[in-house]
N, C-alpha and C. Protein backbone atom coordinates (compact mmCIF):
# COMPACT_ATOMS: atom_id res chain seq x y z
N MET A 1 87.35 90.09 107.17
CA MET A 1 87.57 90.47 105.84
C MET A 1 88.82 89.32 105.40
N SER A 2 88.50 89.31 103.81
CA SER A 2 89.33 88.05 103.74
C SER A 2 90.80 88.50 103.11
N PHE A 3 91.60 87.60 102.96
CA PHE A 3 93.06 87.94 102.39
C PHE A 3 92.99 88.41 100.77
N ILE A 4 91.92 88.49 100.61
CA ILE A 4 91.78 89.31 99.27
C ILE A 4 92.30 90.86 99.04
N LEU A 5 91.83 91.38 100.04
CA LEU A 5 92.18 92.88 100.01
C LEU A 5 93.68 92.88 100.56
N ASP A 6 94.60 91.94 100.66
CA ASP A 6 95.93 92.08 100.66
C ASP A 6 96.63 92.02 99.15
N SER A 7 95.75 91.89 98.52
CA SER A 7 96.29 91.40 97.16
C SER A 7 96.78 92.87 96.63
N LYS A 8 97.79 92.89 95.93
CA LYS A 8 98.43 94.49 95.42
C LYS A 8 97.97 94.39 93.95
N VAL A 9 98.02 95.72 93.77
CA VAL A 9 97.77 96.34 92.19
C VAL A 9 98.34 97.56 91.73
N ASN A 10 98.71 97.37 90.70
CA ASN A 10 99.46 98.83 90.18
C ASN A 10 98.65 99.86 89.89
N VAL A 11 98.94 101.13 90.10
CA VAL A 11 98.26 102.42 89.88
C VAL A 11 99.16 103.20 89.23
N ASP A 12 98.63 104.25 88.40
CA ASP A 12 99.58 104.91 87.70
C ASP A 12 99.61 106.75 88.70
N CYS A 13 100.53 107.05 88.61
CA CYS A 13 100.27 108.62 89.12
C CYS A 13 99.37 109.44 88.15
N PRO A 14 98.48 109.93 88.39
CA PRO A 14 97.79 111.08 87.23
C PRO A 14 98.52 112.10 86.97
N GLU A 15 99.56 112.69 87.56
CA GLU A 15 100.42 113.83 87.11
C GLU A 15 101.40 113.49 86.38
N CYS A 16 102.34 112.43 86.86
CA CYS A 16 103.61 111.96 86.13
C CYS A 16 103.74 110.48 85.61
N ARG A 17 102.51 109.74 85.49
CA ARG A 17 102.37 108.62 85.01
C ARG A 17 103.12 107.33 85.97
N SER A 18 103.81 107.92 86.80
CA SER A 18 105.10 106.83 87.46
C SER A 18 103.88 105.93 88.11
N ARG A 19 104.70 104.38 87.81
CA ARG A 19 103.60 103.53 88.78
C ARG A 19 103.93 103.02 90.33
N LEU A 20 102.98 102.84 91.04
CA LEU A 20 103.13 102.51 92.24
C LEU A 20 102.19 101.44 92.66
N THR A 21 102.62 100.54 93.51
CA THR A 21 101.97 99.43 94.04
C THR A 21 101.41 99.64 95.35
N VAL A 22 99.89 99.32 95.35
CA VAL A 22 98.85 99.62 96.25
C VAL A 22 98.23 97.93 96.93
N THR A 23 97.64 98.07 97.71
CA THR A 23 96.68 97.13 98.31
C THR A 23 95.43 97.15 97.99
N LEU A 24 94.60 96.29 97.66
CA LEU A 24 93.06 96.84 97.35
C LEU A 24 92.21 97.30 98.76
N ARG A 25 93.00 96.67 99.85
CA ARG A 25 92.81 97.52 101.15
C ARG A 25 92.82 98.88 101.13
N ASP A 26 94.26 99.26 100.55
CA ASP A 26 94.38 100.65 100.58
C ASP A 26 93.45 101.41 99.99
N ILE A 27 93.02 101.05 98.64
CA ILE A 27 91.87 101.78 97.79
C ILE A 27 90.66 101.41 98.35
N GLN A 28 90.27 100.32 99.14
CA GLN A 28 88.89 100.42 99.77
C GLN A 28 88.81 101.21 101.00
N GLN A 29 89.74 101.51 101.63
CA GLN A 29 89.93 102.64 102.64
C GLN A 29 90.49 103.99 102.43
N ARG A 30 90.87 104.15 100.89
CA ARG A 30 90.51 105.46 100.59
C ARG A 30 92.04 106.28 101.21
N ARG A 31 93.06 105.41 101.05
CA ARG A 31 93.93 106.24 101.41
C ARG A 31 94.79 107.03 100.72
N LEU A 32 95.42 107.97 101.39
CA LEU A 32 96.36 108.76 100.73
C LEU A 32 97.67 108.62 100.41
N VAL A 33 98.08 108.21 99.31
CA VAL A 33 99.64 107.80 98.98
C VAL A 33 100.46 108.73 98.20
N ARG A 34 101.75 108.65 98.06
CA ARG A 34 102.49 109.19 97.38
C ARG A 34 103.44 108.57 96.31
N CYS A 35 103.38 109.18 95.02
CA CYS A 35 104.33 108.30 93.97
C CYS A 35 105.53 108.48 94.36
N SER A 36 106.40 108.06 93.88
CA SER A 36 108.13 108.37 94.03
C SER A 36 108.75 109.59 93.40
N ARG A 37 107.82 110.52 93.16
CA ARG A 37 108.01 112.02 92.78
C ARG A 37 107.52 112.87 93.66
N GLY A 38 106.89 112.27 94.56
CA GLY A 38 106.28 113.17 95.66
C GLY A 38 104.59 113.78 95.64
N HIS A 39 104.03 113.29 94.27
CA HIS A 39 102.74 113.48 94.02
C HIS A 39 101.67 112.89 94.76
N SER A 40 100.88 113.49 95.43
CA SER A 40 99.65 112.96 96.43
C SER A 40 98.48 112.32 95.46
N ILE A 41 98.31 111.33 95.94
CA ILE A 41 97.40 110.29 95.21
C ILE A 41 96.32 110.01 96.36
N GLN A 42 94.83 110.29 95.91
CA GLN A 42 93.74 110.02 97.00
C GLN A 42 93.37 108.85 95.88
N LEU A 43 93.33 107.75 96.84
CA LEU A 43 92.67 106.38 96.33
C LEU A 43 91.25 106.45 96.40
N LYS A 44 90.53 105.80 95.51
CA LYS A 44 89.21 105.57 95.75
C LYS A 44 88.62 104.40 94.85
N GLU A 45 87.76 103.93 95.23
CA GLU A 45 87.30 102.82 94.60
C GLU A 45 86.17 103.13 93.46
N GLN A 46 85.96 102.69 92.34
CA GLN A 46 85.07 103.01 91.39
C GLN A 46 83.91 101.83 91.88
N GLY A 47 82.70 102.31 91.88
CA GLY A 47 82.04 101.34 92.33
C GLY A 47 82.13 100.62 93.61
N ASP A 48 81.64 99.30 93.60
CA ASP A 48 81.89 98.45 94.83
C ASP A 48 82.15 96.90 94.82
N GLY A 49 83.02 96.79 93.92
CA GLY A 49 83.73 95.71 93.07
C GLY A 49 84.27 95.14 94.17
N ILE A 50 85.05 95.75 94.73
CA ILE A 50 86.31 95.29 96.22
C ILE A 50 85.17 94.53 96.85
N ARG A 51 84.32 95.30 97.48
CA ARG A 51 83.35 95.17 98.64
C ARG A 51 82.77 93.38 98.05
N LYS A 52 82.26 93.56 96.84
CA LYS A 52 81.63 92.38 96.43
C LYS A 52 82.40 91.35 96.33
N VAL A 53 83.94 91.24 95.69
CA VAL A 53 84.94 90.39 95.87
C VAL A 53 85.14 89.69 97.23
N ASP A 54 85.00 90.68 98.16
CA ASP A 54 85.65 90.07 99.26
C ASP A 54 84.39 89.27 99.90
N ARG A 55 83.16 89.67 99.70
CA ARG A 55 82.18 89.13 100.50
C ARG A 55 81.92 87.94 99.72
N ALA A 56 82.28 87.62 98.61
CA ALA A 56 82.19 86.49 97.54
C ALA A 56 83.09 85.29 98.14
N THR A 57 84.13 85.80 98.22
CA THR A 57 85.56 85.02 98.74
C THR A 57 84.94 84.66 100.45
N GLU A 58 84.57 85.31 101.39
CA GLU A 58 84.44 84.85 102.70
C GLU A 58 83.24 83.78 102.31
N ASP A 59 82.27 84.10 101.71
CA ASP A 59 81.23 83.02 101.38
C ASP A 59 81.85 81.65 101.17
N LEU A 60 82.68 81.91 99.97
CA LEU A 60 83.38 80.53 99.50
C LEU A 60 84.32 79.89 100.80
N GLU A 61 84.79 80.72 101.29
CA GLU A 61 85.61 80.12 102.53
C GLU A 61 85.02 79.42 103.45
N ARG A 62 83.61 80.03 104.16
CA ARG A 62 82.73 79.39 104.77
C ARG A 62 82.17 78.23 104.21
N SER A 63 81.76 78.07 103.02
CA SER A 63 81.07 77.03 102.52
C SER A 63 82.23 75.69 102.53
N ILE A 64 83.29 75.97 102.27
CA ILE A 64 84.19 74.82 101.95
C ILE A 64 84.64 74.52 103.43
N ARG A 65 84.50 75.47 104.79
CA ARG A 65 84.85 74.95 105.82
C ARG A 65 83.70 74.03 106.47
N ARG A 66 82.34 74.20 105.90
CA ARG A 66 81.15 73.83 106.28
C ARG A 66 81.21 72.32 105.74
N LEU A 67 81.68 72.28 104.53
CA LEU A 67 82.02 70.83 104.15
C LEU A 67 83.14 70.09 104.60
N GLY A 68 84.15 70.75 105.26
CA GLY A 68 85.29 69.99 106.06
C GLY A 68 86.60 70.16 105.42
N GLY A 69 86.63 70.79 104.42
CA GLY A 69 87.42 70.97 103.65
C GLY A 69 88.36 72.60 104.46
N THR A 70 89.76 72.88 103.76
CA THR A 70 90.33 73.77 104.06
C THR A 70 90.70 74.76 102.66
N ILE A 71 90.72 75.84 102.48
CA ILE A 71 91.35 76.42 101.40
C ILE A 71 92.64 77.26 101.61
N ARG A 72 93.41 77.10 100.50
CA ARG A 72 94.63 77.91 100.86
C ARG A 72 94.87 78.46 99.29
N LEU A 73 94.81 79.94 99.46
CA LEU A 73 95.15 80.65 97.90
C LEU A 73 96.32 81.41 98.10
N LYS A 74 97.03 81.32 97.24
CA LYS A 74 98.40 82.59 97.30
C LYS A 74 97.92 83.75 96.70
């Protein structure tokens, strides 16, 4: 899996609207997290966008390596 899954995104608690930060990996793995006020939030990906982006990033990395280059993204 590519580095893209370690990207952080903000989500709002559906109960109290407090904001918390999770990774795309957390969402993809459907983790249960808690907001700062203790509400449980079951993360869930809508569609398969994360998987598609992850695969595209891996394909790009492979192609660049085949050309003899390196890729360094933050």
